[in-house]
Amino acid sequence: MKQTHFKWINTGAAACCVAFLLAGCADGTAPARETIQKPDKTITVVEPGQSTDTKVAVSQIAQIDRTRGISFITEEQLVIVKRNENEQKIAVEGEMMFPNNLYVHDLATKQEEALHEQPAHQGFAKPSPDGKYLFYKLNNEESAHGYMMNLETRESVELGSDVIDTMTGMWMDDTHVLFMTIEGKVIKASVDGTLETILSSDRRIFTAVPGEGGIYYVVNEVLYFLPDGSKQAEKLATDVVWVIPSPERKQLALVKRTSNTTRTLMITDAKGNEPIELGSATQVFGTSWSPDGKKLAYSLTSEGTDGDNGVFVADAISGDTVPIKLDVQYLSDDLGWSPSGKKIVAATYSQEQNDFITFVITLK
């Protein structure tokens, strides 16, 4: 979940997000097991059809062309972003282009249905844990406004008039979302549009996410925890870039700056202690917990030969990691899990196709 100011792009332009190099694809030969020795750990590369000691194994990888998959609503339904050529073109950075709208893509039938057509860029679709609501944003260049959609009625409510960050926002429970505004407010929003300001700061808040009995936030690379109903935050750790709590709020996926050019991803307890290091790289992106909190998916990219590169799935208890080989160059969004934790969606921008490609990874 590396925080990034996101720009919508014309499909004739270059990729719109920070680029993250991923591992190359398999060459079509029989599955092979490759072990990579690191100074502090051993990584086993898994091709489709293999099993590992970590019990993370790939069953298959499906590719969906000209589609940008973001998240799962059900096991067979993906929320995707695509150009809506039924709507009028809108002006973006001096160019006229069709708006990007949210659709539901059925993996079984391949049918697609627009969730709510409109002449505006829609994005950042995050379904509630129970799959009944969708938190999404209308984007204008590098700014956005939040909305909540009832997936049964397809009706939406605007979550205030404040400009919010384009790439952040996390569900607190089935009916509330936590997000940040550009002005430094942390807001709790209900599915009915009710808003509550949890924290207001004149300092830049880089990350704000829900925890057990409070919220975590990062200011100037210092991680704080603010208990519910309190105005006094507890300082937990320094050199922190961002943090994501597990679904049960018992563990943290935490990224620390370990040098000027290196970021290290680790799993810690709820206080940022007892770290298990997963990998180090120039950039860490796309991090996402499985619904049961037992696995963590993420991508790493490194400049040079010392760091890790690729998309990985880690065991949250042991820290064992399994790289997933994908035929991609750039990861465009956070990795998304299906409700069962058996599937992962990953999207990339293809220069060859001049459009997005989505991969659906099915685990054994």
Protein backbone atom coordinates (compact mmCIF):
# COMPACT_ATOMS: atom_id res chain seq x y z
CA MET A 1 0.00 0.00 0.00
CA LYS A 2 2.68 2.46 -0.85
CA GLN A 3 0.98 5.83 -0.90
CA THR A 4 1.06 7.32 -4.39
CA HIS A 5 -0.65 10.25 -6.08
CA PHE A 6 -2.46 8.44 -8.86
CA LYS A 7 -3.12 9.81 -12.31
CA TRP A 8 -5.63 8.38 -14.73
CA ILE A 9 -4.06 7.94 -18.14
CA ASN A 10 -5.11 7.71 -21.73
CA THR A 11 -4.47 4.16 -22.88
CA GLY A 12 -2.12 5.58 -25.47
CA ALA A 13 0.13 6.95 -22.74
CA ALA A 14 2.61 5.30 -20.43
CA ALA A 15 1.64 3.52 -17.23
CA CYS A 16 -0.07 5.75 -14.71
CA CYS A 17 1.31 4.43 -11.41
CA VAL A 18 4.73 4.06 -9.91
CA ALA A 19 6.35 1.21 -11.79
CA PHE A 20 7.25 -1.95 -9.98
CA LEU A 21 9.26 -4.61 -11.81
CA LEU A 22 7.97 -8.14 -11.36
CA ALA A 23 9.29 -11.60 -12.08
CA GLY A 24 9.25 -13.01 -15.64
CA CYS A 25 6.86 -15.65 -16.88
CA ALA A 26 7.41 -19.37 -17.19
CA ASP A 27 8.69 -20.65 -20.52
CA GLY A 28 6.05 -23.37 -20.86
CA THR A 29 8.31 -26.26 -19.87
CA ALA A 30 7.53 -28.73 -17.11
CA PRO A 31 7.32 -27.21 -13.62
CA ALA A 32 10.67 -26.80 -11.94
CA ARG A 33 11.57 -25.98 -8.36
CA GLU A 34 14.16 -23.23 -7.92
CA THR A 35 15.73 -22.39 -4.58
CA ILE A 36 17.26 -18.96 -4.00
CA GLN A 37 19.71 -18.67 -1.14
CA LYS A 38 19.66 -15.34 0.69
CA PRO A 39 21.93 -14.46 3.62
CA ASP A 40 19.03 -14.62 6.07
CA LYS A 41 16.54 -16.98 4.43
CA THR A 42 15.76 -19.47 1.70
CA ILE A 43 13.12 -18.67 -0.93
CA THR A 44 11.48 -21.36 -3.04
CA VAL A 45 10.15 -20.25 -6.43
CA VAL A 46 6.85 -21.91 -7.27
CA GLU A 47 5.50 -22.57 -10.76
CA PRO A 48 1.84 -23.57 -11.26
CA GLY A 49 1.15 -27.06 -9.97
CA GLN A 50 3.81 -27.15 -7.25
CA SER A 51 3.49 -27.44 -3.49
CA THR A 52 5.78 -26.11 -0.80
CA ASP A 53 6.45 -26.52 2.87
CA THR A 54 4.60 -23.24 3.47
CA LYS A 55 1.41 -24.76 2.04
CA VAL A 56 1.20 -21.92 -0.48
CA ALA A 57 1.04 -23.26 -4.03
CA VAL A 58 -0.26 -22.00 -7.34
CA SER A 59 -2.94 -24.02 -9.10
CA GLN A 60 -3.36 -21.82 -12.17
CA ILE A 61 -2.99 -18.28 -13.48
CA ALA A 62 -5.67 -16.87 -15.79
CA GLN A 63 -5.12 -13.78 -17.92
CA ILE A 64 -7.81 -11.22 -18.82
CA ASP A 65 -6.75 -8.80 -21.55
CA ARG A 66 -7.72 -5.12 -21.74
CA THR A 67 -9.01 -5.21 -18.20
CA ARG A 68 -7.81 -3.67 -14.96
CA GLY A 69 -8.97 -5.91 -12.12
CA ILE A 70 -9.05 -4.27 -8.70
CA SER A 71 -10.86 -6.44 -6.17
CA PHE A 72 -13.18 -9.40 -5.61
CA ILE A 73 -16.82 -9.11 -4.57
CA THR A 74 -17.38 -12.88 -4.64
CA GLU A 75 -15.24 -15.82 -5.74
CA GLU A 76 -16.42 -15.35 -9.33
CA GLN A 77 -17.03 -11.60 -9.49
CA LEU A 78 -14.29 -9.03 -9.96
CA VAL A 79 -14.58 -5.28 -9.74
CA ILE A 80 -12.71 -3.90 -12.73
CA VAL A 81 -12.01 -0.51 -14.27
CA LYS A 82 -12.43 -0.01 -18.00
CA ARG A 83 -13.20 2.74 -20.47
CA ASN A 84 -16.91 3.41 -20.79
CA GLU A 85 -17.45 4.26 -24.45
CA ASN A 86 -21.17 4.68 -23.83
CA GLU A 87 -20.47 7.90 -21.95
CA GLN A 88 -19.37 11.23 -23.36
CA LYS A 89 -15.67 12.01 -23.38
CA ILE A 90 -14.20 14.13 -20.61
CA ALA A 91 -11.17 16.43 -20.49
CA VAL A 92 -8.10 14.96 -18.80
CA GLU A 93 -4.82 16.90 -18.84
CA GLY A 94 -5.86 18.73 -21.98
CA GLU A 95 -7.04 15.61 -23.81
CA MET A 96 -10.53 14.28 -24.44
CA MET A 97 -11.04 10.66 -23.43
CA PHE A 98 -13.75 8.24 -22.39
CA PRO A 99 -14.19 7.99 -18.61
CA ASN A 100 -12.97 4.96 -16.69
CA ASN A 101 -15.95 3.40 -14.93
CA LEU A 102 -16.32 0.51 -12.51
CA TYR A 103 -17.72 -2.78 -13.81
CA VAL A 104 -18.39 -6.23 -12.41
CA HIS A 105 -16.61 -8.95 -14.40
CA ASP A 106 -17.95 -12.50 -14.04
CA LEU A 107 -15.03 -14.94 -14.23
CA ALA A 108 -17.28 -17.84 -15.24
CA THR A 109 -19.40 -16.20 -17.96
CA LYS A 110 -16.95 -13.41 -18.95
CA GLN A 111 -19.90 -11.00 -18.83
CA GLU A 112 -19.36 -7.43 -17.64
CA GLU A 113 -21.84 -4.97 -16.19
CA ALA A 114 -21.31 -1.33 -15.27
CA LEU A 115 -21.98 -0.59 -11.61
CA HIS A 116 -22.93 3.06 -12.12
CA GLU A 117 -22.27 4.73 -15.46
CA GLN A 118 -21.27 8.38 -15.38
CA PRO A 119 -18.99 10.83 -17.24
CA ALA A 120 -16.31 10.77 -14.56
CA HIS A 121 -13.29 8.66 -13.67
CA GLN A 122 -14.12 6.04 -11.04
CA GLY A 123 -11.52 3.99 -9.20
CA PHE A 124 -10.09 2.57 -5.95
CA ALA A 125 -12.94 0.09 -5.43
CA LYS A 126 -12.80 -1.67 -2.06
CA PRO A 127 -15.75 -3.95 -1.15
CA SER A 128 -16.80 -4.20 2.49
CA PRO A 129 -15.79 -7.43 4.27
CA ASP A 130 -19.36 -8.76 3.92
CA GLY A 131 -19.51 -7.79 0.23
CA LYS A 132 -22.58 -5.56 0.59
CA TYR A 133 -21.00 -2.15 0.03
CA LEU A 134 -18.31 -0.62 -2.14
CA PHE A 135 -16.02 2.24 -1.15
CA TYR A 136 -14.81 3.98 -4.29
CA LYS A 137 -13.56 7.34 -5.52
CA LEU A 138 -14.21 9.81 -8.30
CA ASN A 139 -10.84 11.02 -9.51
CA ASN A 140 -9.88 14.34 -11.03
CA GLU A 141 -6.20 14.41 -11.92
CA GLU A 142 -4.38 13.79 -8.59
CA SER A 143 -7.32 14.47 -6.28
CA ALA A 144 -10.41 12.45 -5.43
CA HIS A 145 -13.70 12.41 -3.54
CA GLY A 146 -15.01 9.37 -1.68
CA TYR A 147 -18.30 7.57 -2.28
CA MET A 148 -20.14 4.61 -0.78
CA MET A 149 -22.24 2.32 -2.98
CA ASN A 150 -24.90 -0.16 -1.88
CA LEU A 151 -24.11 -3.10 -4.18
CA GLU A 152 -27.70 -4.39 -4.06
CA THR A 153 -29.41 -1.12 -5.03
CA ARG A 154 -26.41 0.45 -6.86
CA GLU A 155 -27.19 3.71 -5.06
CA SER A 156 -24.27 5.84 -3.88
CA VAL A 157 -23.72 8.56 -1.29
CA GLU A 158 -20.90 11.10 -1.34
CA LEU A 159 -18.61 11.02 1.70
CA GLY A 160 -18.27 14.72 2.29
CA SER A 161 -16.74 17.43 0.14
CA ASP A 162 -13.14 17.13 1.32
CA VAL A 163 -10.52 16.17 -1.24
CA ILE A 164 -9.02 12.83 -0.25
CA ASP A 165 -5.93 10.90 -1.20
CA THR A 166 -6.41 8.85 -4.36
CA MET A 167 -4.77 5.66 -3.12
CA THR A 168 -5.72 5.23 0.55
CA GLY A 169 -8.74 4.00 2.48
CA MET A 170 -9.47 0.89 4.53
CA TRP A 171 -12.59 -0.78 5.91
CA MET A 172 -12.85 -0.74 9.71
CA ASP A 173 -15.74 -3.23 9.78
CA ASP A 174 -18.71 -4.09 7.55
CA THR A 175 -20.18 -0.58 7.68
CA HIS A 176 -17.35 1.92 8.24
CA VAL A 177 -14.33 3.08 6.23
CA LEU A 178 -11.30 5.06 7.41
CA PHE A 179 -9.62 7.48 5.01
CA MET A 180 -7.45 10.60 4.96
CA THR A 181 -8.03 14.02 3.46
CA ILE A 182 -5.39 16.12 1.77
CA GLU A 183 -5.77 18.71 4.55
CA GLY A 184 -4.63 16.25 7.24
CA LYS A 185 -7.90 14.91 8.64
CA VAL A 186 -8.55 11.23 9.35
CA ILE A 187 -12.24 10.49 8.81
CA LYS A 188 -14.46 7.57 9.76
CA ALA A 189 -17.28 7.23 7.22
CA SER A 190 -20.43 5.15 7.55
CA VAL A 191 -22.21 3.44 4.65
CA ASP A 192 -25.06 5.95 5.07
CA GLY A 193 -22.69 8.87 4.54
CA THR A 194 -22.27 9.87 8.19
CA LEU A 195 -18.79 11.28 8.85
CA GLU A 196 -16.71 11.53 12.02
CA THR A 197 -13.32 13.21 12.22
CA ILE A 198 -11.05 10.92 14.25
CA LEU A 199 -7.88 12.99 13.99
CA SER A 200 -6.97 16.40 12.63
CA SER A 201 -3.34 17.40 12.19
CA ASP A 202 -1.42 20.26 10.64
CA ARG A 203 1.34 17.76 9.85
CA ARG A 204 1.28 15.49 6.80
CA ILE A 205 -0.27 12.14 7.75
CA PHE A 206 1.25 9.56 5.45
CA THR A 207 -0.79 6.54 6.57
CA ALA A 208 -3.90 6.11 8.73
CA VAL A 209 -5.45 2.67 9.24
CA PRO A 210 -7.78 1.04 11.78
CA GLY A 211 -6.43 -1.01 14.67
CA GLU A 212 -7.91 -2.86 17.64
CA GLY A 213 -9.42 -0.13 19.82
CA GLY A 214 -7.93 2.77 17.90
CA ILE A 215 -6.08 3.83 14.77
CA TYR A 216 -2.49 3.69 13.57
CA TYR A 217 -0.99 6.61 11.72
CA VAL A 218 2.42 7.68 10.44
CA VAL A 219 3.83 11.22 10.57
CA ASN A 220 7.43 11.99 9.59
CA GLU A 221 8.19 8.24 9.55
CA VAL A 222 7.04 7.81 13.16
CA LEU A 223 4.31 5.24 13.83
CA TYR A 224 1.67 6.20 16.40
CA PHE A 225 -1.36 4.47 17.88
CA LEU A 226 -4.30 6.63 18.96
CA PRO A 227 -6.77 4.80 21.26
CA ASP A 228 -10.48 5.37 20.74
CA GLY A 229 -11.70 8.43 22.64
CA SER A 230 -8.18 9.61 23.46
CA LYS A 231 -6.24 12.66 22.33
CA GLN A 232 -2.89 11.24 23.43
CA ALA A 233 -1.20 9.00 20.86
CA GLU A 234 1.37 6.35 21.74
CA LYS A 235 4.65 6.35 19.82
CA LEU A 236 5.39 2.81 18.60
CA ALA A 237 8.26 2.89 16.11
CA THR A 238 10.50 5.10 13.97
CA ASP A 239 11.66 4.94 10.34
CA VAL A 240 8.22 3.60 9.38
CA VAL A 241 7.00 4.24 5.84
CA TRP A 242 3.54 2.67 6.15
CA VAL A 243 1.62 -0.01 7.99
CA ILE A 244 -1.37 -2.32 7.33
CA PRO A 245 -3.04 -4.28 10.16
CA SER A 246 -4.20 -7.85 9.68
CA PRO A 247 -7.99 -8.47 9.51
CA GLU A 248 -8.02 -9.51 13.19
CA ARG A 249 -5.83 -6.48 14.08
CA LYS A 250 -3.38 -8.83 15.84
CA GLN A 251 -0.44 -8.31 13.47
CA LEU A 252 0.97 -5.53 11.33
CA ALA A 253 2.50 -5.56 7.88
CA LEU A 254 5.04 -2.81 8.39
CA VAL A 255 7.56 -1.22 6.04
CA LYS A 256 10.64 0.46 7.49
CA ARG A 257 13.24 2.60 5.79
CA THR A 258 16.46 0.70 6.48
CA SER A 259 18.68 2.90 4.27
CA ASN A 260 18.28 5.81 1.89
CA THR A 261 17.41 3.43 -0.94
CA THR A 262 16.06 0.37 0.88
CA ARG A 263 12.66 -0.45 2.36
CA THR A 264 12.16 -3.60 4.43
CA LEU A 265 8.79 -5.32 4.75
CA MET A 266 8.15 -7.15 8.01
CA ILE A 267 5.33 -8.69 10.01
CA THR A 268 5.11 -7.58 13.65
CA ASP A 269 2.74 -7.83 16.57
CA ALA A 270 0.13 -5.12 17.14
CA LYS A 271 2.71 -2.88 18.86
CA GLY A 272 5.30 -3.12 16.10
CA ASN A 273 7.45 -5.60 18.03
CA GLU A 274 8.71 -9.14 17.33
CA PRO A 275 9.44 -8.45 13.65
CA ILE A 276 9.68 -11.17 11.02
CA GLU A 277 11.47 -9.73 7.98
CA LEU A 278 10.02 -10.79 4.63
CA GLY A 279 12.21 -8.93 2.17
CA SER A 280 14.03 -5.72 1.31
CA ALA A 281 13.79 -3.67 -1.87
CA THR A 282 13.79 -0.17 -3.26
CA GLN A 283 9.99 -0.19 -3.32
CA VAL A 284 7.29 -2.25 -1.58
CA PHE A 285 3.84 -2.10 -3.14
CA GLY A 286 0.48 -3.86 -3.41
CA THR A 287 0.54 -5.35 0.08
CA SER A 288 -2.66 -7.15 1.05
CA TRP A 289 -3.67 -9.56 3.83
CA SER A 290 -5.71 -12.66 3.05
CA PRO A 291 -9.20 -12.52 4.63
CA ASP A 292 -8.21 -15.00 7.35
CA GLY A 293 -5.00 -13.11 8.14
CA LYS A 294 -2.80 -16.15 7.54
CA LYS A 295 -1.09 -14.91 4.38
CA LEU A 296 0.31 -11.67 3.04
CA ALA A 297 0.64 -10.83 -0.66
CA TYR A 298 2.97 -8.07 -1.83
CA SER A 299 5.39 -6.99 -4.54
CA LEU A 300 8.99 -5.84 -4.33
CA THR A 301 11.22 -4.09 -6.82
CA SER A 302 14.91 -3.40 -6.43
CA GLU A 303 17.45 -1.33 -8.26
CA GLY A 304 20.58 -3.39 -8.68
CA THR A 305 21.10 -7.03 -7.69
CA ASP A 306 21.01 -7.01 -3.89
CA GLY A 307 17.28 -6.73 -3.20
CA ASP A 308 14.26 -8.87 -3.96
CA ASN A 309 12.03 -8.52 -7.01
CA GLY A 310 8.59 -9.91 -7.82
CA VAL A 311 5.18 -10.77 -6.42
CA PHE A 312 5.24 -12.83 -3.24
CA VAL A 313 2.90 -14.61 -0.85
CA ALA A 314 4.17 -15.02 2.72
CA ASP A 315 3.03 -17.19 5.60
CA ALA A 316 2.11 -14.74 8.35
CA ILE A 317 3.30 -17.01 11.16
CA SER A 318 6.56 -18.46 9.85
CA GLY A 319 7.50 -15.72 7.42
CA ASP A 320 8.17 -18.28 4.67
CA THR A 321 7.77 -16.63 1.27
CA VAL A 322 6.70 -17.96 -2.12
CA PRO A 323 7.36 -15.86 -5.25
CA ILE A 324 4.60 -15.99 -7.87
CA LYS A 325 5.91 -15.68 -11.42
CA LEU A 326 3.78 -13.45 -13.61
CA ASP A 327 4.25 -12.18 -17.15
CA VAL A 328 4.11 -8.53 -16.14
CA GLN A 329 6.26 -5.43 -16.10
CA TYR A 330 4.39 -3.16 -13.71
CA LEU A 331 1.91 -3.73 -10.91
CA SER A 332 -0.74 -1.01 -11.11
CA ASP A 333 -2.80 -1.58 -7.94
CA ASP A 334 -2.82 -3.36 -4.60
CA LEU A 335 -3.11 -7.11 -4.85
CA GLY A 336 -6.65 -8.27 -4.03
CA TRP A 337 -7.85 -11.49 -2.36
CA SER A 338 -11.09 -13.35 -2.99
CA PRO A 339 -13.34 -13.93 0.07
CA SER A 340 -12.09 -17.52 0.45
CA GLY A 341 -8.43 -16.54 0.21
CA LYS A 342 -7.98 -18.95 -2.70
CA LYS A 343 -7.58 -16.34 -5.44
CA ILE A 344 -5.50 -13.20 -5.92
CA VAL A 345 -6.04 -10.51 -8.55
CA ALA A 346 -3.11 -8.55 -9.97
CA ALA A 347 -3.23 -5.90 -12.71
CA THR A 348 -0.51 -4.45 -14.89
CA TYR A 349 -0.19 -1.98 -17.73
CA SER A 350 1.04 -3.59 -20.96
CA GLN A 351 3.03 -1.41 -23.32
CA GLU A 352 2.57 -4.06 -26.01
CA GLN A 353 -1.23 -4.04 -25.75
CA ASN A 354 -1.35 -0.35 -24.86
CA ASP A 355 -3.84 -1.29 -22.16
CA PHE A 356 -4.18 -3.05 -18.82
CA ILE A 357 -3.98 -6.81 -18.27
CA THR A 358 -5.38 -8.65 -15.27
CA PHE A 359 -4.11 -11.91 -13.80
CA VAL A 360 -6.23 -14.10 -11.55
CA ILE A 361 -3.99 -16.37 -9.49
CA THR A 362 -5.68 -19.45 -8.03
CA LEU A 363 -3.97 -21.08 -5.06
CA LYS A 364 -4.28 -24.72 -4.07
